Amino acid sequence: MTYRFVKYNYKVGVNGFSKYERAEVYIQAGHEGRVKGSTGTSSVYGKEIEWTPIVADEATRILEETGITVI
């Protein structure tokens, strides 16, 4: 169950109310921060773990320039 208040959504869960920011788009940089396990693939062009934050940051920048809210 979700309640909408001004800038934030409040969700009722097992641990009570939790607050999270609202946005039109949510971008997550995949394997960013991982050091072992599923860190993605690699090729002559580089490693996926190195490229995902670059692509996520650039997508965020472009979307925000057009007025879209991004988290």
PDB file of N, CA and C in Angstrom:
ATOM      1  N   MET A   1       0.850  -1.170   0.000  1.00  0.00           N
ATOM      2  CA  MET A   1       0.000   0.000   0.000  1.00  0.00           C
ATOM      3  C   MET A   1       0.895   1.232   0.000  1.00  0.00           C
ATOM      4  N   THR A   2       0.660   2.159  -0.893  1.00  0.00           N
ATOM      5  CA  THR A   2       1.481   3.368  -1.026  1.00  0.00           C
ATOM      6  C   THR A   2       0.616   4.601  -0.869  1.00  0.00           C
ATOM      7  N   TYR A   3       1.118   5.580  -0.103  1.00  0.00           N
ATOM      8  CA  TYR A   3       0.442   6.859   0.086  1.00  0.00           C
ATOM      9  C   TYR A   3       1.297   7.954  -0.516  1.00  0.00           C
ATOM     10  N   ARG A   4       0.711   8.844  -1.283  1.00  0.00           N
ATOM     11  CA  ARG A   4       1.464   9.916  -1.929  1.00  0.00           C
ATOM     12  C   ARG A   4       1.297  11.227  -1.149  1.00  0.00           C
ATOM     13  N   PHE A   5       2.425  11.842  -0.790  1.00  0.00           N
ATOM     14  CA  PHE A   5       2.446  13.128  -0.126  1.00  0.00           C
ATOM     15  C   PHE A   5       3.482  14.009  -0.806  1.00  0.00           C
ATOM     16  N   VAL A   6       3.097  15.115  -1.334  1.00  0.00           N
ATOM     17  CA  VAL A   6       3.954  16.123  -1.947  1.00  0.00           C
ATOM     18  C   VAL A   6       5.132  15.515  -2.713  1.00  0.00           C
ATOM     19  N   LYS A   7       6.361  15.546  -2.139  1.00  0.00           N
ATOM     20  CA  LYS A   7       7.564  15.124  -2.853  1.00  0.00           C
ATOM     21  C   LYS A   7       7.897  13.643  -2.626  1.00  0.00           C
ATOM     22  N   TYR A   8       7.350  13.043  -1.618  1.00  0.00           N
ATOM     23  CA  TYR A   8       7.751  11.698  -1.264  1.00  0.00           C
ATOM     24  C   TYR A   8       6.587  10.723  -1.300  1.00  0.00           C
ATOM     25  N   ASN A   9       6.883   9.467  -1.533  1.00  0.00           N
ATOM     26  CA  ASN A   9       5.922   8.390  -1.378  1.00  0.00           C
ATOM     27  C   ASN A   9       6.214   7.728  -0.035  1.00  0.00           C
ATOM     28  N   TYR A  10       5.198   7.308   0.638  1.00  0.00           N
ATOM     29  CA  TYR A  10       5.357   6.588   1.885  1.00  0.00           C
ATOM     30  C   TYR A  10       4.761   5.210   1.697  1.00  0.00           C
ATOM     31  N   LYS A  11       5.558   4.199   1.907  1.00  0.00           N
ATOM     32  CA  LYS A  11       5.109   2.836   1.699  1.00  0.00           C
ATOM     33  C   LYS A  11       5.019   2.134   3.042  1.00  0.00           C
ATOM     34  N   VAL A  12       3.910   1.440   3.276  1.00  0.00           N
ATOM     35  CA  VAL A  12       3.737   0.696   4.513  1.00  0.00           C
ATOM     36  C   VAL A  12       4.222  -0.721   4.271  1.00  0.00           C
ATOM     37  N   GLY A  13       5.215  -1.129   5.036  1.00  0.00           N
ATOM     38  CA  GLY A  13       5.760  -2.478   4.911  1.00  0.00           C
ATOM     39  C   GLY A  13       5.790  -3.172   6.258  1.00  0.00           C
ATOM     40  N   VAL A  14       6.473  -4.275   6.330  1.00  0.00           N
ATOM     41  CA  VAL A  14       6.581  -5.061   7.550  1.00  0.00           C
ATOM     42  C   VAL A  14       7.201  -4.246   8.676  1.00  0.00           C
ATOM     43  N   ASN A  15       8.153  -3.377   8.339  1.00  0.00           N
ATOM     44  CA  ASN A  15       8.843  -2.571   9.346  1.00  0.00           C
ATOM     45  C   ASN A  15       8.215  -1.198   9.533  1.00  0.00           C
ATOM     46  N   GLY A  16       6.980  -1.005   9.111  1.00  0.00           N
ATOM     47  CA  GLY A  16       6.306   0.281   9.265  1.00  0.00           C
ATOM     48  C   GLY A  16       6.418   1.121   8.007  1.00  0.00           C
ATOM     49  N   PHE A  17       6.431   2.444   8.178  1.00  0.00           N
ATOM     50  CA  PHE A  17       6.496   3.367   7.048  1.00  0.00           C
ATOM     51  C   PHE A  17       7.935   3.524   6.570  1.00  0.00           C
ATOM     52  N   SER A  18       8.129   3.553   5.272  1.00  0.00           N
ATOM     53  CA  SER A  18       9.429   3.881   4.712  1.00  0.00           C
ATOM     54  C   SER A  18       9.224   4.965   3.662  1.00  0.00           C
ATOM     55  N   LYS A  19      10.155   5.895   3.590  1.00  0.00           N
ATOM     56  CA  LYS A  19      10.030   7.040   2.691  1.00  0.00           C
ATOM     57  C   LYS A  19      11.058   6.911   1.578  1.00  0.00           C
ATOM     58  N   TYR A  20      10.659   7.200   0.362  1.00  0.00           N
ATOM     59  CA  TYR A  20      11.600   7.210  -0.747  1.00  0.00           C
ATOM     60  C   TYR A  20      11.225   8.326  -1.700  1.00  0.00           C
ATOM     61  N   GLU A  21      12.242   8.852  -2.384  1.00  0.00           N
ATOM     62  CA  GLU A  21      12.017   9.968  -3.294  1.00  0.00           C
ATOM     63  C   GLU A  21      11.318   9.508  -4.558  1.00  0.00           C
ATOM     64  N   ARG A  22      10.556  10.405  -5.151  1.00  0.00           N
ATOM     65  CA  ARG A  22       9.869  10.118  -6.407  1.00  0.00           C
ATOM     66  C   ARG A  22      10.664  10.687  -7.563  1.00  0.00           C
ATOM     67  N   ALA A  23      10.601  10.011  -8.691  1.00  0.00           N
ATOM     68  CA  ALA A  23      11.235  10.482  -9.918  1.00  0.00           C
ATOM     69  C   ALA A  23      10.493   9.869 -11.096  1.00  0.00           C
ATOM     70  N   GLU A  24      10.706  10.461 -12.264  1.00  0.00           N
ATOM     71  CA  GLU A  24      10.092   9.911 -13.474  1.00  0.00           C
ATOM     72  C   GLU A  24      10.881   8.720 -14.003  1.00  0.00           C
ATOM     73  N   VAL A  25      12.201   8.717 -13.741  1.00  0.00           N
ATOM     74  CA  VAL A  25      13.069   7.641 -14.215  1.00  0.00           C
ATOM     75  C   VAL A  25      14.039   7.248 -13.103  1.00  0.00           C
ATOM     76  N   TYR A  26      14.228   5.958 -12.928  1.00  0.00           N
ATOM     77  CA  TYR A  26      15.220   5.432 -11.986  1.00  0.00           C
ATOM     78  C   TYR A  26      16.303   4.730 -12.804  1.00  0.00           C
ATOM     79  N   ILE A  27      17.571   5.115 -12.574  1.00  0.00           N
ATOM     80  CA  ILE A  27      18.683   4.510 -13.304  1.00  0.00           C
ATOM     81  C   ILE A  27      19.614   3.867 -12.291  1.00  0.00           C
ATOM     82  N   GLN A  28      19.970   2.620 -12.559  1.00  0.00           N
ATOM     83  CA  GLN A  28      20.870   1.885 -11.686  1.00  0.00           C
ATOM     84  C   GLN A  28      22.020   1.381 -12.542  1.00  0.00           C
ATOM     85  N   ALA A  29      23.243   1.605 -12.100  1.00  0.00           N
ATOM     86  CA  ALA A  29      24.424   1.329 -12.921  1.00  0.00           C
ATOM     87  C   ALA A  29      24.881  -0.133 -12.866  1.00  0.00           C
ATOM     88  N   GLY A  30      23.971  -1.045 -12.758  1.00  0.00           N
ATOM     89  CA  GLY A  30      24.294  -2.467 -12.887  1.00  0.00           C
ATOM     90  C   GLY A  30      25.328  -2.992 -11.922  1.00  0.00           C
ATOM     91  N   HIS A  31      26.481  -3.326 -12.421  1.00  0.00           N
ATOM     92  CA  HIS A  31      27.514  -3.995 -11.640  1.00  0.00           C
ATOM     93  C   HIS A  31      28.402  -3.033 -10.851  1.00  0.00           C
ATOM     94  N   GLU A  32      28.083  -1.769 -10.838  1.00  0.00           N
ATOM     95  CA  GLU A  32      28.923  -0.764 -10.172  1.00  0.00           C
ATOM     96  C   GLU A  32      29.175  -1.129  -8.711  1.00  0.00           C
ATOM     97  N   GLY A  33      30.424  -1.077  -8.309  1.00  0.00           N
ATOM     98  CA  GLY A  33      30.794  -1.333  -6.924  1.00  0.00           C
ATOM     99  C   GLY A  33      31.101  -2.791  -6.600  1.00  0.00           C
ATOM    100  N   ARG A  34      30.771  -3.694  -7.487  1.00  0.00           N
ATOM    101  CA  ARG A  34      31.057  -5.116  -7.232  1.00  0.00           C
ATOM    102  C   ARG A  34      32.523  -5.387  -7.523  1.00  0.00           C
ATOM    103  N   VAL A  35      33.141  -6.259  -6.740  1.00  0.00           N
ATOM    104  CA  VAL A  35      34.538  -6.608  -6.974  1.00  0.00           C
ATOM    105  C   VAL A  35      34.710  -8.078  -7.332  1.00  0.00           C
ATOM    106  N   LYS A  36      33.687  -8.884  -7.077  1.00  0.00           N
ATOM    107  CA  LYS A  36      33.745 -10.290  -7.465  1.00  0.00           C
ATOM    108  C   LYS A  36      32.333 -10.789  -7.734  1.00  0.00           C
ATOM    109  N   GLY A  37      32.239 -11.972  -8.298  1.00  0.00           N
ATOM    110  CA  GLY A  37      30.923 -12.503  -8.637  1.00  0.00           C
ATOM    111  C   GLY A  37      30.462 -11.980  -9.984  1.00  0.00           C
ATOM    112  N   SER A  38      29.220 -11.583 -10.074  1.00  0.00           N
ATOM    113  CA  SER A  38      28.636 -11.110 -11.345  1.00  0.00           C
ATOM    114  C   SER A  38      29.058  -9.681 -11.637  1.00  0.00           C
ATOM    115  N   THR A  39      30.221  -9.539 -12.259  1.00  0.00           N
ATOM    116  CA  THR A  39      30.719  -8.196 -12.582  1.00  0.00           C
ATOM    117  C   THR A  39      30.581  -7.873 -14.060  1.00  0.00           C
ATOM    118  N   GLY A  40      29.905  -8.723 -14.804  1.00  0.00           N
ATOM    119  CA  GLY A  40      29.670  -8.442 -16.218  1.00  0.00           C
ATOM    120  C   GLY A  40      30.745  -9.016 -17.107  1.00  0.00           C
ATOM    121  N   THR A  41      30.628  -8.703 -18.373  1.00  0.00           N
ATOM    122  CA  THR A  41      31.536  -9.250 -19.377  1.00  0.00           C
ATOM    123  C   THR A  41      32.641  -8.252 -19.703  1.00  0.00           C
ATOM    124  N   SER A  42      33.577  -8.666 -20.539  1.00  0.00           N
ATOM    125  CA  SER A  42      34.630  -7.755 -20.997  1.00  0.00           C
ATOM    126  C   SER A  42      34.967  -8.085 -22.448  1.00  0.00           C
ATOM    127  N   SER A  43      35.536  -7.098 -23.124  1.00  0.00           N
ATOM    128  CA  SER A  43      35.946  -7.264 -24.520  1.00  0.00           C
ATOM    129  C   SER A  43      37.110  -6.324 -24.787  1.00  0.00           C
ATOM    130  N   VAL A  44      37.487  -6.201 -26.039  1.00  0.00           N
ATOM    131  CA  VAL A  44      38.576  -5.290 -26.406  1.00  0.00           C
ATOM    132  C   VAL A  44      38.194  -3.832 -26.122  1.00  0.00           C
ATOM    133  N   TYR A  45      36.889  -3.557 -25.969  1.00  0.00           N
ATOM    134  CA  TYR A  45      36.412  -2.193 -25.714  1.00  0.00           C
ATOM    135  C   TYR A  45      36.369  -1.836 -24.230  1.00  0.00           C
ATOM    136  N   GLY A  46      36.599  -2.802 -23.379  1.00  0.00           N
ATOM    137  CA  GLY A  46      36.617  -2.541 -21.947  1.00  0.00           C
ATOM    138  C   GLY A  46      35.754  -3.520 -21.178  1.00  0.00           C
ATOM    139  N   LYS A  47      35.653  -3.275 -19.875  1.00  0.00           N
ATOM    140  CA  LYS A  47      34.873  -4.132 -18.995  1.00  0.00           C
ATOM    141  C   LYS A  47      33.504  -3.503 -18.748  1.00  0.00           C
ATOM    142  N   GLU A  48      32.498  -4.357 -18.709  1.00  0.00           N
ATOM    143  CA  GLU A  48      31.135  -3.880 -18.465  1.00  0.00           C
ATOM    144  C   GLU A  48      31.036  -3.120 -17.145  1.00  0.00           C
ATOM    145  N   ILE A  49      31.721  -3.604 -16.121  1.00  0.00           N
ATOM    146  CA  ILE A  49      31.668  -2.969 -14.798  1.00  0.00           C
ATOM    147  C   ILE A  49      32.226  -1.542 -14.840  1.00  0.00           C
ATOM    148  N   GLU A  50      33.133  -1.263 -15.766  1.00  0.00           N
ATOM    149  CA  GLU A  50      33.680   0.089 -15.912  1.00  0.00           C
ATOM    150  C   GLU A  50      32.760   0.984 -16.726  1.00  0.00           C
ATOM    151  N   TRP A  51      32.038   0.408 -17.694  1.00  0.00           N
ATOM    152  CA  TRP A  51      31.186   1.186 -18.584  1.00  0.00           C
ATOM    153  C   TRP A  51      29.809   1.509 -18.008  1.00  0.00           C
ATOM    154  N   THR A  52      29.255   0.634 -17.173  1.00  0.00           N
ATOM    155  CA  THR A  52      27.882   0.874 -16.699  1.00  0.00           C
ATOM    156  C   THR A  52      27.715   2.191 -15.955  1.00  0.00           C
ATOM    157  N   PRO A  53      28.639   2.587 -15.056  1.00  0.00           N
ATOM    158  CA  PRO A  53      28.452   3.889 -14.410  1.00  0.00           C
ATOM    159  C   PRO A  53      28.619   5.065 -15.373  1.00  0.00           C
ATOM    160  N   ILE A  54      29.468   4.914 -16.376  1.00  0.00           N
ATOM    161  CA  ILE A  54      29.660   5.976 -17.368  1.00  0.00           C
ATOM    162  C   ILE A  54      28.372   6.184 -18.157  1.00  0.00           C
ATOM    163  N   VAL A  55      27.788   5.084 -18.612  1.00  0.00           N
ATOM    164  CA  VAL A  55      26.544   5.159 -19.385  1.00  0.00           C
ATOM    165  C   VAL A  55      25.404   5.678 -18.513  1.00  0.00           C
ATOM    166  N   ALA A  56      25.313   5.200 -17.273  1.00  0.00           N
ATOM    167  CA  ALA A  56      24.249   5.650 -16.362  1.00  0.00           C
ATOM    168  C   ALA A  56      24.363   7.144 -16.083  1.00  0.00           C
ATOM    169  N   ASP A  57      25.574   7.619 -15.840  1.00  0.00           N
ATOM    170  CA  ASP A  57      25.777   9.054 -15.574  1.00  0.00           C
ATOM    171  C   ASP A  57      25.424   9.912 -16.782  1.00  0.00           C
ATOM    172  N   GLU A  58      25.803   9.464 -17.966  1.00  0.00           N
ATOM    173  CA  GLU A  58      25.510  10.232 -19.179  1.00  0.00           C
ATOM    174  C   GLU A  58      24.012  10.236 -19.470  1.00  0.00           C
ATOM    175  N   ALA A  59      23.352   9.093 -19.294  1.00  0.00           N
ATOM    176  CA  ALA A  59      21.897   9.032 -19.489  1.00  0.00           C
ATOM    177  C   ALA A  59      21.192   9.948 -18.498  1.00  0.00           C
ATOM    178  N   THR A  60      21.655   9.953 -17.260  1.00  0.00           N
ATOM    179  CA  THR A  60      21.087  10.840 -16.237  1.00  0.00           C
ATOM    180  C   THR A  60      21.254  12.296 -16.640  1.00  0.00           C
ATOM    181  N   ARG A  61      22.450  12.660 -17.082  1.00  0.00           N
ATOM    182  CA  ARG A  61      22.725  14.045 -17.482  1.00  0.00           C
ATOM    183  C   ARG A  61      21.802  14.484 -18.618  1.00  0.00           C
ATOM    184  N   ILE A  62      21.669  13.654 -19.635  1.00  0.00           N
ATOM    185  CA  ILE A  62      20.841  13.999 -20.794  1.00  0.00           C
ATOM    186  C   ILE A  62      19.371  14.132 -20.394  1.00  0.00           C
ATOM    187  N   LEU A  63      18.871  13.194 -19.608  1.00  0.00           N
ATOM    188  CA  LEU A  63      17.472  13.250 -19.176  1.00  0.00           C
ATOM    189  C   LEU A  63      17.197  14.478 -18.315  1.00  0.00           C
ATOM    190  N   GLU A  64      18.107  14.780 -17.380  1.00  0.00           N
ATOM    191  CA  GLU A  64      17.916  15.951 -16.521  1.00  0.00           C
ATOM    192  C   GLU A  64      17.957  17.249 -17.316  1.00  0.00           C
ATOM    193  N   GLU A  65      18.777  17.307 -18.372  1.00  0.00           N
ATOM    194  CA  GLU A  65      18.829  18.494 -19.226  1.00  0.00           C
ATOM    195  C   GLU A  65      17.486  18.755 -19.889  1.00  0.00           C
ATOM    196  N   THR A  66      16.729  17.711 -20.150  1.00  0.00           N
ATOM    197  CA  THR A  66      15.423  17.870 -20.789  1.00  0.00           C
ATOM    198  C   THR A  66      14.306  18.079 -19.774  1.00  0.00           C
ATOM    199  N   GLY A  67      14.657  18.106 -18.473  1.00  0.00           N
ATOM    200  CA  GLY A  67      13.668  18.380 -17.445  1.00  0.00           C
ATOM    201  C   GLY A  67      13.034  17.150 -16.819  1.00  0.00           C
ATOM    202  N   ILE A  68      13.550  15.977 -17.141  1.00  0.00           N
ATOM    203  CA  ILE A  68      13.024  14.744 -16.555  1.00  0.00           C
ATOM    204  C   ILE A  68      13.726  14.490 -15.232  1.00  0.00           C
ATOM    205  N   THR A  69      12.967  14.158 -14.194  1.00  0.00           N
ATOM    206  CA  THR A  69      13.574  13.878 -12.894  1.00  0.00           C
ATOM    207  C   THR A  69      14.115  12.457 -12.869  1.00  0.00           C
ATOM    208  N   VAL A  70      15.346  12.326 -12.348  1.00  0.00           N
ATOM    209  CA  VAL A  70      16.058  11.043 -12.367  1.00  0.00           C
ATOM    210  C   VAL A  70      16.645  10.758 -10.992  1.00  0.00           C
ATOM    211  N   ILE A  71      16.525   9.517 -10.584  1.00  0.00           N
ATOM    212  CA  ILE A  71      17.232   9.036  -9.388  1.00  0.00           C
ATOM    213  C   ILE A  71      18.083   7.888  -9.834  1.00  0.00           C
TER     214      ILE A  71
END
